[in-house]
Amino acid sequence: MINKNIMIIIGIIFILISILMIVTFKPLISFIGVLLLVYALSGLRIIFQYEKGLLFTLGKYNGIMDAGLMWFLPIIQSMVKIDTRVQTIDLPKQEVITKDNVPVKINATVFFKVQYPDKAVLNVENYREATLMYSQTVLRDVIGGIDLDGLLEKREEIAENIRKIVDTITDEWGIDVTGVRLQDIELPEEMRRAMARQAEAERERRAVIIKSQGEIEAAQNLSKAAEIVSQNPGALHLRTLHTLAEISSDPNEKFVFVLPLEVLKAFERKGK
């Protein structure tokens, strides 16, 4: 890091000298003092806490300046400020053909921050534009190697894979890609209709399975009930009385003829 205090002291000296030249009240010296004061003030810069300043002297990189008040020699020196906060890039909607030849439109958001400001300035012309273009390329390559079902089911896994690939190359630019999010996946209209029909068929299949399982359980319970009733004659009488009670609760007119079991048994013996 460059010693800012030394640079600020030099700036203050320039300002004091220019002021002394102005107060001499000699036209030429005062004029030169005014020019010197303007020159000195134009070199003052404030670097915020979330920024880093890169100082160049005659085009040569000198170092990184921390937050605070900074002064440099105008014309001879120049400074570039770099924002080190997390930034976002919205990738435009990309039309990609998946591995199973389904055209989809997909857009994403890339989250990154400048980790090494010197690399971000010295190694790439425009680190933000370069990150955007490279992220688009990686997005198309990765989605093109995945089928549609995998794309819909493993969005987070795919996004993490894209992040790792992009982060590998952007490390050379001093960029740390912290995350990638796949926001919207747009399918063709006919594909959406086909998926809707598939989902409806799947729901119907599950409904049929549940209904059949219920019928099986009901049949098993009825079989057990019949076996129990057949082993206990008194249970059949109770069931008959219960059925008569249910019928009598209905307000409609009914005629019930109750015959003793002995009469039925007599008919049964006669039939034999």
Protein backbone atom coordinates (compact mmCIF):
# COMPACT_ATOMS: atom_id res chain seq x y z
CA MET A 1 0.00 0.00 0.00
CA ILE A 2 1.11 3.56 -0.70
CA ASN A 3 1.70 5.85 2.27
CA LYS A 4 -1.22 8.25 1.97
CA ASN A 5 0.07 10.52 4.70
CA ILE A 6 3.14 11.44 2.66
CA MET A 7 1.01 12.19 -0.40
CA ILE A 8 -1.37 14.34 1.67
CA ILE A 9 1.53 16.26 3.20
CA ILE A 10 2.89 16.99 -0.27
CA GLY A 11 -0.56 18.20 -1.30
CA ILE A 12 -0.81 20.48 1.72
CA ILE A 13 2.62 21.92 0.92
CA PHE A 14 1.48 22.67 -2.64
CA ILE A 15 -1.63 24.41 -1.32
CA LEU A 16 0.29 26.50 1.23
CA ILE A 17 2.84 27.57 -1.36
CA SER A 18 0.11 28.61 -3.77
CA ILE A 19 -1.64 30.61 -1.04
CA LEU A 20 1.60 32.38 -0.15
CA MET A 21 2.14 33.23 -3.80
CA ILE A 22 -1.38 34.65 -4.06
CA VAL A 23 -1.04 36.90 -0.97
CA THR A 24 2.13 38.52 -2.31
CA PHE A 25 -0.19 40.74 -4.38
CA LYS A 26 2.23 40.68 -7.27
CA PRO A 27 0.18 40.07 -10.40
CA LEU A 28 2.38 37.49 -12.05
CA ILE A 29 3.20 35.62 -8.87
CA SER A 30 -0.44 35.74 -7.73
CA PHE A 31 -1.57 34.40 -11.10
CA ILE A 32 0.90 31.55 -10.88
CA GLY A 33 -0.26 30.96 -7.30
CA VAL A 34 -3.89 30.69 -8.44
CA LEU A 35 -2.92 28.17 -11.12
CA LEU A 36 -0.89 26.21 -8.58
CA LEU A 37 -3.82 26.22 -6.12
CA VAL A 38 -6.23 24.92 -8.76
CA TYR A 39 -3.67 22.27 -9.69
CA ALA A 40 -3.25 21.22 -6.05
CA LEU A 41 -6.99 21.10 -5.30
CA SER A 42 -7.71 19.05 -8.43
CA GLY A 43 -5.54 16.28 -6.99
CA LEU A 44 -7.69 15.78 -3.89
CA ARG A 45 -9.83 12.64 -3.85
CA ILE A 46 -11.96 10.90 -1.23
CA ILE A 47 -11.94 7.10 -1.26
CA PHE A 48 -14.96 5.55 0.45
CA GLN A 49 -14.74 2.56 2.75
CA TYR A 50 -16.11 0.18 0.09
CA GLU A 51 -13.62 1.40 -2.54
CA LYS A 52 -9.98 0.91 -3.40
CA GLY A 53 -7.89 3.41 -5.35
CA LEU A 54 -5.23 2.34 -7.87
CA LEU A 55 -2.49 4.94 -8.38
CA PHE A 56 -0.62 5.29 -11.68
CA THR A 57 2.42 7.52 -12.26
CA LEU A 58 3.09 8.31 -15.91
CA GLY A 59 1.06 5.22 -16.77
CA LYS A 60 2.95 2.91 -14.44
CA TYR A 61 1.06 1.16 -11.64
CA ASN A 62 2.28 2.24 -8.19
CA GLY A 63 -0.05 0.62 -5.70
CA ILE A 64 -3.43 0.52 -3.97
CA MET A 65 -4.84 3.33 -1.85
CA ASP A 66 -7.09 2.63 1.16
CA ALA A 67 -10.20 4.54 2.21
CA GLY A 68 -9.88 8.15 3.28
CA LEU A 69 -8.58 11.44 1.90
CA MET A 70 -6.07 11.06 -0.92
CA TRP A 71 -3.95 13.47 -2.94
CA PHE A 72 -1.98 12.80 -6.11
CA LEU A 73 -0.14 14.86 -8.70
CA PRO A 74 -2.61 15.71 -11.49
CA ILE A 75 -1.42 15.08 -15.08
CA ILE A 76 1.61 13.19 -13.80
CA GLN A 77 -0.45 10.77 -11.75
CA SER A 78 -3.92 9.34 -12.10
CA MET A 79 -6.16 7.22 -9.93
CA VAL A 80 -8.80 4.58 -10.70
CA LYS A 81 -11.47 3.76 -8.10
CA ILE A 82 -12.77 0.20 -7.83
CA ASP A 83 -15.96 -0.75 -5.97
CA THR A 84 -15.30 -3.84 -3.82
CA ARG A 85 -18.92 -4.46 -2.79
CA VAL A 86 -20.94 -7.42 -4.07
CA GLN A 87 -22.34 -6.58 -7.50
CA THR A 88 -24.96 -8.25 -9.69
CA ILE A 89 -25.20 -8.92 -13.40
CA ASP A 90 -28.49 -9.87 -15.03
CA LEU A 91 -27.79 -12.21 -17.91
CA PRO A 92 -30.12 -11.53 -20.87
CA LYS A 93 -32.53 -14.32 -21.73
CA GLN A 94 -30.61 -16.99 -23.65
CA GLU A 95 -32.20 -19.43 -26.09
CA VAL A 96 -30.52 -22.79 -25.57
CA ILE A 97 -31.18 -26.27 -26.95
CA THR A 98 -30.94 -28.94 -24.24
CA LYS A 99 -29.28 -32.31 -24.63
CA ASP A 100 -32.62 -33.91 -25.65
CA ASN A 101 -33.18 -31.23 -28.34
CA VAL A 102 -35.73 -29.09 -26.49
CA PRO A 103 -35.36 -25.32 -27.08
CA VAL A 104 -35.63 -23.31 -23.85
CA LYS A 105 -35.15 -19.66 -22.95
CA ILE A 106 -33.39 -19.06 -19.67
CA ASN A 107 -32.01 -16.05 -17.82
CA ALA A 108 -29.88 -15.84 -14.70
CA THR A 109 -28.25 -13.48 -12.21
CA VAL A 110 -24.55 -13.55 -11.36
CA PHE A 111 -23.28 -12.22 -8.01
CA PHE A 112 -19.63 -11.23 -7.78
CA LYS A 113 -17.20 -8.87 -6.08
CA VAL A 114 -13.75 -7.51 -6.89
CA GLN A 115 -11.30 -9.36 -4.66
CA TYR A 116 -8.06 -8.03 -6.16
CA PRO A 117 -8.54 -4.52 -7.61
CA ASP A 118 -5.12 -4.48 -9.29
CA LYS A 119 -5.90 -7.61 -11.34
CA ALA A 120 -9.36 -6.27 -12.22
CA VAL A 121 -7.75 -3.20 -13.81
CA LEU A 122 -4.48 -4.56 -15.18
CA ASN A 123 -5.54 -7.98 -16.51
CA VAL A 124 -8.85 -7.17 -18.24
CA GLU A 125 -10.19 -4.11 -20.04
CA ASN A 126 -13.68 -4.17 -18.50
CA TYR A 127 -14.06 -6.77 -15.77
CA ARG A 128 -17.84 -6.36 -15.54
CA GLU A 129 -18.41 -6.79 -19.27
CA ALA A 130 -15.95 -9.69 -19.41
CA THR A 131 -17.72 -11.46 -16.52
CA LEU A 132 -21.07 -10.95 -18.26
CA MET A 133 -19.91 -12.37 -21.59
CA TYR A 134 -18.12 -15.32 -20.05
CA SER A 135 -21.11 -16.16 -17.83
CA GLN A 136 -23.39 -16.21 -20.89
CA THR A 137 -21.04 -18.60 -22.69
CA VAL A 138 -20.77 -20.95 -19.73
CA LEU A 139 -24.55 -20.87 -19.22
CA ARG A 140 -25.17 -21.96 -22.81
CA ASP A 141 -22.52 -24.68 -22.67
CA VAL A 142 -23.73 -26.19 -19.38
CA ILE A 143 -27.45 -26.10 -20.25
CA GLY A 144 -26.68 -27.61 -23.67
CA GLY A 145 -25.26 -30.70 -21.98
CA ILE A 146 -28.29 -31.38 -19.75
CA ASP A 147 -31.67 -32.83 -20.68
CA LEU A 148 -34.91 -31.00 -19.89
CA ASP A 149 -35.87 -33.12 -16.87
CA GLY A 150 -32.46 -32.57 -15.29
CA LEU A 151 -32.70 -28.83 -15.94
CA LEU A 152 -36.06 -28.58 -14.18
CA GLU A 153 -35.17 -30.83 -11.26
CA LYS A 154 -31.58 -29.74 -10.49
CA ARG A 155 -31.60 -25.98 -10.93
CA GLU A 156 -29.49 -25.25 -7.83
CA GLU A 157 -26.93 -27.92 -8.72
CA ILE A 158 -26.64 -26.57 -12.28
CA ALA A 159 -26.30 -22.99 -11.02
CA GLU A 160 -23.50 -24.03 -8.66
CA ASN A 161 -21.73 -25.82 -11.51
CA ILE A 162 -21.93 -22.64 -13.63
CA ARG A 163 -20.59 -20.58 -10.71
CA LYS A 164 -17.55 -22.82 -10.27
CA ILE A 165 -16.66 -22.71 -13.97
CA VAL A 166 -17.03 -18.92 -14.18
CA ASP A 167 -15.15 -18.38 -10.93
CA THR A 168 -12.20 -20.43 -12.19
CA ILE A 169 -11.51 -18.12 -15.13
CA THR A 170 -12.43 -14.86 -13.37
CA ASP A 171 -9.85 -15.55 -10.65
CA GLU A 172 -7.28 -14.33 -13.16
CA TRP A 173 -9.16 -11.02 -13.26
CA GLY A 174 -9.33 -10.69 -9.46
CA ILE A 175 -13.09 -11.40 -9.49
CA ASP A 176 -14.75 -13.67 -6.95
CA VAL A 177 -18.06 -15.06 -8.24
CA THR A 178 -20.13 -15.66 -5.09
CA GLY A 179 -23.30 -17.05 -6.63
CA VAL A 180 -25.38 -17.78 -9.71
CA ARG A 181 -29.17 -18.03 -9.72
CA LEU A 182 -31.29 -19.39 -12.57
CA GLN A 183 -34.33 -17.13 -12.47
CA ASP A 184 -36.69 -18.14 -15.26
CA ILE A 185 -36.91 -21.15 -17.58
CA GLU A 186 -39.32 -20.57 -20.46
CA LEU A 187 -40.50 -23.66 -22.35
CA PRO A 188 -42.21 -23.83 -25.75
CA GLU A 189 -46.01 -23.74 -25.66
CA GLU A 190 -46.45 -27.28 -26.99
CA MET A 191 -43.98 -28.57 -24.39
CA ARG A 192 -45.90 -26.88 -21.58
CA ARG A 193 -49.13 -28.47 -22.81
CA ALA A 194 -47.46 -31.89 -22.99
CA MET A 195 -46.11 -31.52 -19.45
CA ALA A 196 -49.56 -30.46 -18.23
CA ARG A 197 -51.10 -33.57 -19.78
CA GLN A 198 -48.36 -35.71 -18.26
CA ALA A 199 -48.96 -34.21 -14.81
CA GLU A 200 -52.71 -34.77 -15.15
CA ALA A 201 -52.17 -38.39 -16.18
CA GLU A 202 -49.85 -38.88 -13.23
CA ARG A 203 -52.47 -37.50 -10.82
CA GLU A 204 -55.13 -39.80 -12.31
CA ARG A 205 -52.81 -42.79 -11.96
CA ARG A 206 -52.22 -42.01 -8.30
CA ALA A 207 -55.97 -41.58 -7.72
CA VAL A 208 -56.70 -44.99 -9.27
CA ILE A 209 -53.98 -46.62 -7.17
CA ILE A 210 -55.30 -45.05 -3.97
CA LYS A 211 -58.87 -46.07 -4.80
CA SER A 212 -57.87 -49.66 -5.59
CA GLN A 213 -55.87 -49.90 -2.37
CA GLY A 214 -58.93 -48.70 -0.47
CA GLU A 215 -61.11 -51.34 -2.13
CA ILE A 216 -58.58 -54.05 -1.27
CA GLU A 217 -58.51 -52.99 2.37
CA ALA A 218 -62.32 -52.80 2.46
CA ALA A 219 -62.63 -56.30 0.96
CA GLN A 220 -60.15 -57.66 3.49
CA ASN A 221 -62.06 -56.09 6.37
CA LEU A 222 -65.39 -57.42 5.06
CA SER A 223 -63.90 -60.90 4.76
CA LYS A 224 -62.70 -60.76 8.35
CA ALA A 225 -66.12 -59.48 9.50
CA ALA A 226 -67.95 -62.27 7.67
CA GLU A 227 -65.65 -64.85 9.22
CA ILE A 228 -66.27 -63.47 12.71
CA VAL A 229 -70.07 -63.35 12.19
CA SER A 230 -70.14 -66.90 10.88
CA GLN A 231 -68.39 -68.15 14.00
CA ASN A 232 -70.82 -66.33 16.35
CA PRO A 233 -74.56 -66.89 15.59
CA GLY A 234 -75.56 -64.20 18.06
CA ALA A 235 -73.59 -61.63 16.09
CA LEU A 236 -75.81 -62.19 13.04
CA HIS A 237 -78.94 -61.44 15.13
CA LEU A 238 -77.35 -58.23 16.42
CA ARG A 239 -76.42 -57.22 12.90
CA THR A 240 -79.99 -57.88 11.73
CA LEU A 241 -81.45 -55.75 14.50
CA HIS A 242 -78.96 -52.98 13.73
CA THR A 243 -79.98 -53.04 10.05
CA LEU A 244 -83.68 -52.83 11.03
CA ALA A 245 -82.91 -49.84 13.23
CA GLU A 246 -81.19 -48.08 10.34
CA ILE A 247 -84.12 -48.78 8.02
CA SER A 248 -86.70 -47.56 10.52
CA SER A 249 -84.93 -44.20 10.83
CA ASP A 250 -85.78 -43.42 7.21
CA PRO A 251 -89.11 -41.48 7.00
CA ASN A 252 -90.17 -43.33 3.81
CA GLU A 253 -92.89 -46.00 4.25
CA LYS A 254 -91.60 -49.56 4.47
CA PHE A 255 -93.11 -52.96 5.21
CA VAL A 256 -90.87 -55.35 7.05
CA PHE A 257 -91.84 -58.99 7.54
CA VAL A 258 -89.85 -60.63 10.29
CA LEU A 259 -89.79 -64.41 10.38
CA PRO A 260 -88.16 -66.55 13.00
CA LEU A 261 -85.10 -68.47 11.89
CA GLU A 262 -86.87 -71.70 12.83
CA VAL A 263 -89.33 -71.15 9.98
CA LEU A 264 -86.52 -70.67 7.52
CA LYS A 265 -84.81 -73.78 8.83
CA ALA A 266 -88.06 -75.72 8.35
CA PHE A 267 -88.18 -74.64 4.71
CA GLU A 268 -84.54 -75.62 4.39
CA ARG A 269 -85.21 -79.16 5.78
CA LYS A 270 -88.23 -79.52 3.53
CA GLY A 271 -86.18 -78.59 0.51
CA LYS A 272 -83.73 -81.36 1.35
